[in-house]
Amino acid sequence: MAGVESGIAERLCAIVEKQGPGERVWRIELDGVTYWVKRPEAHSLWWRLRKGDPARALERERKGLHAMRRLGLPVADLVHEGPDYLVTRDAGIPMSEVVRSTTLPDEERCRALLCAATALHRIHEAGLAHGRPNLKDILWDGADVTFIDLEMFGVVRNLRRAQILDLLMFGLSCFAVGGRAAPDIDRALLHYRKLDLGNIWSGAIRWLRRVRPIERATRPIQRSAKPMRDLRAFSALVEHKLDDEKRAAEGR
């Protein structure tokens, strides 16, 4: 945990305790610094059966933040914690907003995506997996990225498979948010590929080849007036990256 002055920690604790049970995630402004408080989700029995115990999810996130911070990995700065809440320092805007932005320079969007790909590789190189690296769970401050939402941290039976799924989730989120194949997304994914020494990329490509028949079977749905965003992104990821691999193989 990153250190904060004891007085700040005490004030944060007082604010959180005064708030009591309520919103799952909420913002605190203190001495010009923004913090985020996170509590367990309040699930109905149906959602608990689908998503699991929210208290355990928060505990996984707590352990993930401590574990990754000890290794110097780019995760949220945990400045205070209680038995049923975490307080992290604000680290910027979600990458989903960066990719969608029509005001940010193209150079910054590309730089942010390259930083995100590099950071994801660092997590994998350290022998860990994030668990669910959506763009909305990666923050950008104009210079660096920070990963948040580690509720799936440690839920792995096979580390390499978890890392492959991380990469696929990152790529799928890029296509879902971007809405189309784009040069900056291509550069980010290619950057991960160049850094990868653990055959995570090749594992992801094999997975895409296996699911290609499923993607082709969904094409009639995609031609409907309002195809689901995730389905369209899934199709783009499968087709675009496999086509890239084919062109790369033909060029060798």
C-alpha atoms as a PDB file:
ATOM      1  CA  MET A   1       0.000   0.000   0.000  1.00  0.00           C
ATOM      2  CA  ALA A   2       1.331   3.415  -0.868  1.00  0.00           C
ATOM      3  CA  GLY A   3       1.862   5.554   2.171  1.00  0.00           C
ATOM      4  CA  VAL A   4      -0.360   8.468   3.060  1.00  0.00           C
ATOM      5  CA  GLU A   5      -0.120  10.730   6.054  1.00  0.00           C
ATOM      6  CA  SER A   6      -1.872   9.227   9.054  1.00  0.00           C
ATOM      7  CA  GLY A   7      -4.078  12.297   9.247  1.00  0.00           C
ATOM      8  CA  ILE A   8      -5.271  11.757   5.681  1.00  0.00           C
ATOM      9  CA  ALA A   9      -5.935   8.082   6.356  1.00  0.00           C
ATOM     10  CA  GLU A  10      -7.939   8.951   9.466  1.00  0.00           C
ATOM     11  CA  ARG A  11      -9.998  11.535   7.588  1.00  0.00           C
ATOM     12  CA  LEU A  12     -10.659   9.112   4.752  1.00  0.00           C
ATOM     13  CA  CYS A  13     -11.744   6.489   7.264  1.00  0.00           C
ATOM     14  CA  ALA A  14     -14.081   8.966   8.965  1.00  0.00           C
ATOM     15  CA  ILE A  15     -15.667   9.959   5.639  1.00  0.00           C
ATOM     16  CA  VAL A  16     -16.196   6.351   4.586  1.00  0.00           C
ATOM     17  CA  GLU A  17     -17.616   5.323   7.945  1.00  0.00           C
ATOM     18  CA  LYS A  18     -19.957   8.298   7.950  1.00  0.00           C
ATOM     19  CA  GLN A  19     -21.206   7.405   4.471  1.00  0.00           C
ATOM     20  CA  GLY A  20     -22.066   3.881   5.579  1.00  0.00           C
ATOM     21  CA  PRO A  21     -23.569   1.297   3.214  1.00  0.00           C
ATOM     22  CA  GLY A  22     -24.699   2.876  -0.014  1.00  0.00           C
ATOM     23  CA  GLU A  23     -23.217   3.252  -3.440  1.00  0.00           C
ATOM     24  CA  ARG A  24     -20.785   0.569  -4.482  1.00  0.00           C
ATOM     25  CA  VAL A  25     -18.242   3.045  -5.917  1.00  0.00           C
ATOM     26  CA  TRP A  26     -18.094   6.699  -4.973  1.00  0.00           C
ATOM     27  CA  ARG A  27     -15.731   9.625  -5.124  1.00  0.00           C
ATOM     28  CA  ILE A  28     -14.056  11.638  -2.350  1.00  0.00           C
ATOM     29  CA  GLU A  29     -12.292  14.969  -2.846  1.00  0.00           C
ATOM     30  CA  LEU A  30      -9.817  15.685  -0.050  1.00  0.00           C
ATOM     31  CA  ASP A  31      -7.205  18.458  -0.041  1.00  0.00           C
ATOM     32  CA  GLY A  32      -7.333  18.688  -3.814  1.00  0.00           C
ATOM     33  CA  VAL A  33      -6.815  14.950  -4.336  1.00  0.00           C
ATOM     34  CA  THR A  34      -9.466  12.579  -5.713  1.00  0.00           C
ATOM     35  CA  TYR A  35      -9.987   9.169  -4.150  1.00  0.00           C
ATOM     36  CA  TRP A  36     -12.383   6.342  -5.001  1.00  0.00           C
ATOM     37  CA  VAL A  37     -14.126   4.157  -2.449  1.00  0.00           C
ATOM     38  CA  LYS A  38     -15.189   0.682  -3.463  1.00  0.00           C
ATOM     39  CA  ARG A  39     -17.489  -1.604  -1.499  1.00  0.00           C
ATOM     40  CA  PRO A  40     -18.818  -5.078  -2.374  1.00  0.00           C
ATOM     41  CA  GLU A  41     -21.711  -5.195  -4.820  1.00  0.00           C
ATOM     42  CA  ALA A  42     -25.153  -5.862  -3.357  1.00  0.00           C
ATOM     43  CA  HIS A  43     -26.371  -8.814  -5.433  1.00  0.00           C
ATOM     44  CA  SER A  44     -29.695 -10.549  -5.456  1.00  0.00           C
ATOM     45  CA  LEU A  45     -29.526 -14.322  -5.029  1.00  0.00           C
ATOM     46  CA  TRP A  46     -29.770 -14.703  -8.828  1.00  0.00           C
ATOM     47  CA  TRP A  47     -26.808 -12.419  -9.450  1.00  0.00           C
ATOM     48  CA  ARG A  48     -24.812 -14.034  -6.641  1.00  0.00           C
ATOM     49  CA  LEU A  49     -25.279 -17.387  -8.360  1.00  0.00           C
ATOM     50  CA  ARG A  50     -24.099 -15.870 -11.649  1.00  0.00           C
ATOM     51  CA  LYS A  51     -21.279 -13.621 -10.450  1.00  0.00           C
ATOM     52  CA  GLY A  52     -20.249 -15.165  -7.145  1.00  0.00           C
ATOM     53  CA  ASP A  53     -19.825 -13.760  -3.663  1.00  0.00           C
ATOM     54  CA  PRO A  54     -19.161  -9.978  -3.891  1.00  0.00           C
ATOM     55  CA  ALA A  55     -17.245  -9.977  -0.593  1.00  0.00           C
ATOM     56  CA  ARG A  56     -14.851 -12.549  -1.998  1.00  0.00           C
ATOM     57  CA  ALA A  57     -14.507 -10.500  -5.176  1.00  0.00           C
ATOM     58  CA  LEU A  58     -13.476  -7.452  -3.115  1.00  0.00           C
ATOM     59  CA  GLU A  59     -10.998  -9.585  -1.185  1.00  0.00           C
ATOM     60  CA  ARG A  60      -9.490 -10.840  -4.455  1.00  0.00           C
ATOM     61  CA  GLU A  61      -9.103  -7.241  -5.547  1.00  0.00           C
ATOM     62  CA  ARG A  62      -7.425  -6.324  -2.258  1.00  0.00           C
ATOM     63  CA  LYS A  63      -4.932  -9.186  -2.635  1.00  0.00           C
ATOM     64  CA  GLY A  64      -4.350  -8.311  -6.274  1.00  0.00           C
ATOM     65  CA  LEU A  65      -3.597  -4.674  -5.527  1.00  0.00           C
ATOM     66  CA  HIS A  66      -1.104  -5.626  -2.827  1.00  0.00           C
ATOM     67  CA  ALA A  67       0.538  -8.358  -4.913  1.00  0.00           C
ATOM     68  CA  MET A  68       0.933  -6.250  -8.041  1.00  0.00           C
ATOM     69  CA  ARG A  69       2.060  -3.164  -6.148  1.00  0.00           C
ATOM     70  CA  ARG A  70       4.818  -5.204  -4.453  1.00  0.00           C
ATOM     71  CA  LEU A  71       6.079  -6.141  -7.918  1.00  0.00           C
ATOM     72  CA  GLY A  72       5.979  -2.553  -9.135  1.00  0.00           C
ATOM     73  CA  LEU A  73       3.177  -3.226 -11.591  1.00  0.00           C
ATOM     74  CA  PRO A  74       0.813  -0.460 -12.787  1.00  0.00           C
ATOM     75  CA  VAL A  75      -2.213  -0.933 -10.536  1.00  0.00           C
ATOM     76  CA  ALA A  76      -4.309   1.508  -8.551  1.00  0.00           C
ATOM     77  CA  ASP A  77      -2.651   3.126  -5.541  1.00  0.00           C
ATOM     78  CA  LEU A  78      -4.404   1.588  -2.507  1.00  0.00           C
ATOM     79  CA  VAL A  79      -4.157   4.310   0.121  1.00  0.00           C
ATOM     80  CA  HIS A  80      -6.584   3.050   2.750  1.00  0.00           C
ATOM     81  CA  GLU A  81      -8.666  -0.061   3.390  1.00  0.00           C
ATOM     82  CA  GLY A  82     -11.252  -1.353   5.794  1.00  0.00           C
ATOM     83  CA  PRO A  83     -12.833  -4.755   6.289  1.00  0.00           C
ATOM     84  CA  ASP A  84     -15.472  -4.088   3.630  1.00  0.00           C
ATOM     85  CA  TYR A  85     -14.035  -1.292   1.507  1.00  0.00           C
ATOM     86  CA  LEU A  86     -10.979  -0.115  -0.416  1.00  0.00           C
ATOM     87  CA  VAL A  87      -9.849   3.466  -1.085  1.00  0.00           C
ATOM     88  CA  THR A  88      -7.649   4.114  -4.106  1.00  0.00           C
ATOM     89  CA  ARG A  89      -6.145   7.296  -5.484  1.00  0.00           C
ATOM     90  CA  ASP A  90      -7.594   8.585  -8.757  1.00  0.00           C
ATOM     91  CA  ALA A  91      -5.348   7.680 -11.712  1.00  0.00           C
ATOM     92  CA  GLY A  92      -6.978   9.300 -14.726  1.00  0.00           C
ATOM     93  CA  ILE A  93      -9.736   8.620 -17.229  1.00  0.00           C
ATOM     94  CA  PRO A  94     -10.813   5.180 -18.489  1.00  0.00           C
ATOM     95  CA  MET A  95      -9.168   4.039 -21.705  1.00  0.00           C
ATOM     96  CA  SER A  96     -12.652   3.487 -23.101  1.00  0.00           C
ATOM     97  CA  GLU A  97     -13.117   7.273 -23.022  1.00  0.00           C
ATOM     98  CA  VAL A  98      -9.698   7.800 -24.576  1.00  0.00           C
ATOM     99  CA  VAL A  99     -10.497   5.513 -27.511  1.00  0.00           C
ATOM    100  CA  ARG A 100     -13.937   7.080 -28.048  1.00  0.00           C
ATOM    101  CA  SER A 101     -12.726  10.659 -27.689  1.00  0.00           C
ATOM    102  CA  THR A 102     -13.110  13.001 -30.629  1.00  0.00           C
ATOM    103  CA  THR A 103     -11.041  15.739 -28.979  1.00  0.00           C
ATOM    104  CA  LEU A 104      -7.846  13.948 -27.938  1.00  0.00           C
ATOM    105  CA  PRO A 105      -5.068  14.028 -30.539  1.00  0.00           C
ATOM    106  CA  ASP A 106      -4.624  10.808 -32.499  1.00  0.00           C
ATOM    107  CA  GLU A 107      -1.029  10.660 -31.254  1.00  0.00           C
ATOM    108  CA  GLU A 108      -2.164  10.541 -27.638  1.00  0.00           C
ATOM    109  CA  ARG A 109      -4.748   7.847 -28.337  1.00  0.00           C
ATOM    110  CA  CYS A 110      -2.101   5.721 -29.998  1.00  0.00           C
ATOM    111  CA  ARG A 111       0.382   6.360 -27.184  1.00  0.00           C
ATOM    112  CA  ALA A 112      -2.203   5.411 -24.558  1.00  0.00           C
ATOM    113  CA  LEU A 113      -3.029   2.122 -26.298  1.00  0.00           C
ATOM    114  CA  LEU A 114       0.663   1.278 -26.672  1.00  0.00           C
ATOM    115  CA  CYS A 115       1.154   1.964 -22.952  1.00  0.00           C
ATOM    116  CA  ALA A 116      -1.807  -0.280 -22.129  1.00  0.00           C
ATOM    117  CA  ALA A 117      -0.412  -3.131 -24.237  1.00  0.00           C
ATOM    118  CA  THR A 118       3.008  -2.703 -22.627  1.00  0.00           C
ATOM    119  CA  ALA A 119       1.512  -2.702 -19.140  1.00  0.00           C
ATOM    120  CA  LEU A 120      -0.536  -5.832 -19.822  1.00  0.00           C
ATOM    121  CA  HIS A 121       2.621  -7.548 -21.037  1.00  0.00           C
ATOM    122  CA  ARG A 122       4.436  -6.493 -17.841  1.00  0.00           C
ATOM    123  CA  ILE A 123       1.712  -8.151 -15.764  1.00  0.00           C
ATOM    124  CA  HIS A 124       2.040 -11.348 -17.790  1.00  0.00           C
ATOM    125  CA  GLU A 125       5.835 -11.240 -17.719  1.00  0.00           C
ATOM    126  CA  ALA A 126       5.636 -11.088 -13.917  1.00  0.00           C
ATOM    127  CA  GLY A 127       3.738 -14.375 -13.946  1.00  0.00           C
ATOM    128  CA  LEU A 128       0.299 -12.931 -13.210  1.00  0.00           C
ATOM    129  CA  ALA A 129      -2.993 -12.298 -14.990  1.00  0.00           C
ATOM    130  CA  HIS A 130      -5.394  -9.399 -14.523  1.00  0.00           C
ATOM    131  CA  GLY A 131      -8.510 -11.491 -15.094  1.00  0.00           C
ATOM    132  CA  ARG A 132     -10.660  -8.978 -16.990  1.00  0.00           C
ATOM    133  CA  PRO A 133      -8.682  -6.157 -18.660  1.00  0.00           C
ATOM    134  CA  ASN A 134     -11.504  -4.205 -20.289  1.00  0.00           C
ATOM    135  CA  LEU A 135     -10.577  -0.729 -21.487  1.00  0.00           C
ATOM    136  CA  LYS A 136     -12.913   0.754 -18.873  1.00  0.00           C
ATOM    137  CA  ASP A 137     -10.689  -0.862 -16.218  1.00  0.00           C
ATOM    138  CA  ILE A 138      -7.484   0.725 -17.514  1.00  0.00           C
ATOM    139  CA  LEU A 139      -6.931   4.399 -16.622  1.00  0.00           C
ATOM    140  CA  TRP A 140      -4.858   6.967 -18.525  1.00  0.00           C
ATOM    141  CA  ASP A 141      -3.364  10.096 -16.943  1.00  0.00           C
ATOM    142  CA  GLY A 142      -1.716  11.496 -20.050  1.00  0.00           C
ATOM    143  CA  ALA A 143       1.567   9.710 -19.437  1.00  0.00           C
ATOM    144  CA  ASP A 144       0.954   6.267 -17.959  1.00  0.00           C
ATOM    145  CA  VAL A 145      -1.771   3.666 -17.524  1.00  0.00           C
ATOM    146  CA  THR A 146      -3.100   2.111 -14.320  1.00  0.00           C
ATOM    147  CA  PHE A 147      -5.150  -1.066 -14.003  1.00  0.00           C
ATOM    148  CA  ILE A 148      -8.157  -1.219 -11.706  1.00  0.00           C
ATOM    149  CA  ASP A 149     -10.981  -3.695 -10.970  1.00  0.00           C
ATOM    150  CA  LEU A 150      -9.019  -6.791  -9.980  1.00  0.00           C
ATOM    151  CA  GLU A 151     -12.078  -8.727  -8.837  1.00  0.00           C
ATOM    152  CA  MET A 152     -11.064 -11.701 -10.996  1.00  0.00           C
ATOM    153  CA  PHE A 153      -7.450 -11.679  -9.806  1.00  0.00           C
ATOM    154  CA  GLY A 154      -6.218 -15.133  -8.844  1.00  0.00           C
ATOM    155  CA  VAL A 155      -9.217 -16.966 -10.334  1.00  0.00           C
ATOM    156  CA  VAL A 156      -7.018 -19.181 -12.498  1.00  0.00           C
ATOM    157  CA  ARG A 157      -6.485 -22.894 -12.877  1.00  0.00           C
ATOM    158  CA  ASN A 158      -4.026 -22.479 -15.706  1.00  0.00           C
ATOM    159  CA  LEU A 159      -1.925 -19.305 -15.735  1.00  0.00           C
ATOM    160  CA  ARG A 160      -1.054 -19.363 -19.431  1.00  0.00           C
ATOM    161  CA  ARG A 161      -4.704 -19.829 -20.350  1.00  0.00           C
ATOM    162  CA  ALA A 162      -5.619 -16.908 -18.090  1.00  0.00           C
ATOM    163  CA  GLN A 163      -3.000 -14.720 -19.775  1.00  0.00           C
ATOM    164  CA  ILE A 164      -4.275 -15.711 -23.229  1.00  0.00           C
ATOM    165  CA  LEU A 165      -7.800 -14.800 -22.143  1.00  0.00           C
ATOM    166  CA  ASP A 166      -6.438 -11.473 -20.813  1.00  0.00           C
ATOM    167  CA  LEU A 167      -5.005 -10.656 -24.229  1.00  0.00           C
ATOM    168  CA  LEU A 168      -8.191 -11.714 -26.011  1.00  0.00           C
ATOM    169  CA  MET A 169     -10.315  -9.648 -23.599  1.00  0.00           C
ATOM    170  CA  PHE A 170      -8.081  -6.624 -24.180  1.00  0.00           C
ATOM    171  CA  GLY A 171      -8.360  -7.019 -27.966  1.00  0.00           C
ATOM    172  CA  LEU A 172     -12.107  -7.610 -27.841  1.00  0.00           C
ATOM    173  CA  SER A 173     -12.590  -4.523 -25.686  1.00  0.00           C
ATOM    174  CA  CYS A 174     -10.527  -2.429 -28.123  1.00  0.00           C
ATOM    175  CA  PHE A 175     -12.723  -3.475 -31.050  1.00  0.00           C
ATOM    176  CA  ALA A 176     -15.940  -3.121 -29.036  1.00  0.00           C
ATOM    177  CA  VAL A 177     -15.127   0.405 -27.891  1.00  0.00           C
ATOM    178  CA  GLY A 178     -13.468   1.526 -31.112  1.00  0.00           C
ATOM    179  CA  GLY A 179     -16.296   0.097 -33.195  1.00  0.00           C
ATOM    180  CA  ARG A 180     -13.984  -0.910 -36.021  1.00  0.00           C
ATOM    181  CA  ALA A 181     -10.465  -1.948 -36.904  1.00  0.00           C
ATOM    182  CA  ALA A 182      -8.176   1.050 -36.512  1.00  0.00           C
ATOM    183  CA  PRO A 183      -4.441   1.616 -36.999  1.00  0.00           C
ATOM    184  CA  ASP A 184      -3.844   2.548 -33.348  1.00  0.00           C
ATOM    185  CA  ILE A 185      -5.525  -0.672 -32.149  1.00  0.00           C
ATOM    186  CA  ASP A 186      -3.459  -2.675 -34.634  1.00  0.00           C
ATOM    187  CA  ARG A 187      -0.266  -1.030 -33.420  1.00  0.00           C
ATOM    188  CA  ALA A 188      -1.100  -1.767 -29.781  1.00  0.00           C
ATOM    189  CA  LEU A 189      -1.796  -5.450 -30.420  1.00  0.00           C
ATOM    190  CA  LEU A 190       1.283  -5.774 -32.632  1.00  0.00           C
ATOM    191  CA  HIS A 191       3.320  -4.127 -29.873  1.00  0.00           C
ATOM    192  CA  TYR A 192       2.203  -6.797 -27.408  1.00  0.00           C
ATOM    193  CA  ARG A 193       3.114  -9.445 -29.969  1.00  0.00           C
ATOM    194  CA  LYS A 194       6.645  -8.050 -30.336  1.00  0.00           C
ATOM    195  CA  LEU A 195       7.157  -8.028 -26.569  1.00  0.00           C
ATOM    196  CA  ASP A 196       5.717 -11.492 -25.997  1.00  0.00           C
ATOM    197  CA  LEU A 197       8.237 -14.214 -25.210  1.00  0.00           C
ATOM    198  CA  GLY A 198       5.782 -16.576 -23.543  1.00  0.00           C
ATOM    199  CA  ASN A 199       3.813 -17.594 -26.624  1.00  0.00           C
ATOM    200  CA  ILE A 200       0.721 -15.848 -25.281  1.00  0.00           C
ATOM    201  CA  TRP A 201       0.109 -14.279 -28.696  1.00  0.00           C
ATOM    202  CA  SER A 202       0.343 -17.603 -30.522  1.00  0.00           C
ATOM    203  CA  GLY A 203      -2.044 -19.129 -27.999  1.00  0.00           C
ATOM    204  CA  ALA A 204      -4.534 -16.333 -28.646  1.00  0.00           C
ATOM    205  CA  ILE A 205      -4.283 -16.859 -32.410  1.00  0.00           C
ATOM    206  CA  ARG A 206      -4.920 -20.589 -31.992  1.00  0.00           C
ATOM    207  CA  TRP A 207      -7.996 -19.763 -29.920  1.00  0.00           C
ATOM    208  CA  LEU A 208      -9.250 -17.408 -32.643  1.00  0.00           C
ATOM    209  CA  ARG A 209      -8.794 -20.109 -35.269  1.00  0.00           C
ATOM    210  CA  ARG A 210     -10.830 -22.546 -33.196  1.00  0.00           C
ATOM    211  CA  VAL A 211     -13.740 -20.125 -32.815  1.00  0.00           C
ATOM    212  CA  ARG A 212     -13.748 -18.941 -36.436  1.00  0.00           C
ATOM    213  CA  PRO A 213     -16.620 -21.311 -37.372  1.00  0.00           C
ATOM    214  CA  ILE A 214     -18.696 -19.754 -34.585  1.00  0.00           C
ATOM    215  CA  GLU A 215     -17.948 -16.277 -35.897  1.00  0.00           C
ATOM    216  CA  ARG A 216     -19.013 -17.281 -39.400  1.00  0.00           C
ATOM    217  CA  ALA A 217     -22.234 -18.806 -38.078  1.00  0.00           C
ATOM    218  CA  THR A 218     -23.163 -15.477 -36.450  1.00  0.00           C
ATOM    219  CA  ARG A 219     -22.792 -13.391 -39.622  1.00  0.00           C
ATOM    220  CA  PRO A 220     -26.534 -13.419 -40.435  1.00  0.00           C
ATOM    221  CA  ILE A 221     -27.171 -11.876 -37.009  1.00  0.00           C
ATOM    222  CA  GLN A 222     -24.479  -9.286 -37.645  1.00  0.00           C
ATOM    223  CA  ARG A 223     -26.276  -8.188 -40.811  1.00  0.00           C
ATOM    224  CA  SER A 224     -29.350  -7.284 -38.793  1.00  0.00           C
ATOM    225  CA  ALA A 225     -30.236  -3.624 -38.277  1.00  0.00           C
ATOM    226  CA  LYS A 226     -28.767  -3.451 -34.783  1.00  0.00           C
ATOM    227  CA  PRO A 227     -26.232  -6.235 -34.194  1.00  0.00           C
ATOM    228  CA  MET A 228     -24.933  -6.532 -30.657  1.00  0.00           C
ATOM    229  CA  ARG A 229     -21.776  -4.496 -30.098  1.00  0.00           C
ATOM    230  CA  ASP A 230     -19.841  -7.371 -28.500  1.00  0.00           C
ATOM    231  CA  LEU A 231     -20.796  -9.747 -31.300  1.00  0.00           C
ATOM    232  CA  ARG A 232     -19.625  -7.255 -33.898  1.00  0.00           C
ATOM    233  CA  ALA A 233     -16.381  -6.772 -31.945  1.00  0.00           C
ATOM    234  CA  PHE A 234     -15.888 -10.520 -31.678  1.00  0.00           C
ATOM    235  CA  SER A 235     -16.241 -10.855 -35.432  1.00  0.00           C
ATOM    236  CA  ALA A 236     -13.819  -7.999 -36.066  1.00  0.00           C
ATOM    237  CA  LEU A 237     -11.224  -9.456 -33.711  1.00  0.00           C
ATOM    238  CA  VAL A 238     -11.419 -12.930 -35.244  1.00  0.00           C
ATOM    239  CA  GLU A 239     -11.377 -11.854 -38.876  1.00  0.00           C
ATOM    240  CA  HIS A 240      -8.980  -8.938 -38.630  1.00  0.00           C
ATOM    241  CA  LYS A 241      -6.284 -10.603 -36.544  1.00  0.00           C
ATOM    242  CA  LEU A 242      -6.410 -13.891 -38.450  1.00  0.00           C
ATOM    243  CA  ASP A 243      -6.137 -11.997 -41.728  1.00  0.00           C
ATOM    244  CA  ASP A 244      -3.131 -10.149 -40.281  1.00  0.00           C
ATOM    245  CA  GLU A 245      -1.525 -13.464 -39.344  1.00  0.00           C
ATOM    246  CA  LYS A 246      -2.142 -14.824 -42.843  1.00  0.00           C
ATOM    247  CA  ARG A 247      -0.588 -11.759 -44.489  1.00  0.00           C
ATOM    248  CA  ALA A 248       2.390 -11.924 -42.112  1.00  0.00           C
ATOM    249  CA  ALA A 249       2.931 -15.616 -42.924  1.00  0.00           C
ATOM    250  CA  GLU A 250       2.726 -14.952 -46.663  1.00  0.00           C
ATOM    251  CA  GLY A 251       5.244 -12.137 -46.321  1.00  0.00           C
ATOM    252  CA  ARG A 252       7.837 -14.293 -44.580  1.00  0.00           C
END
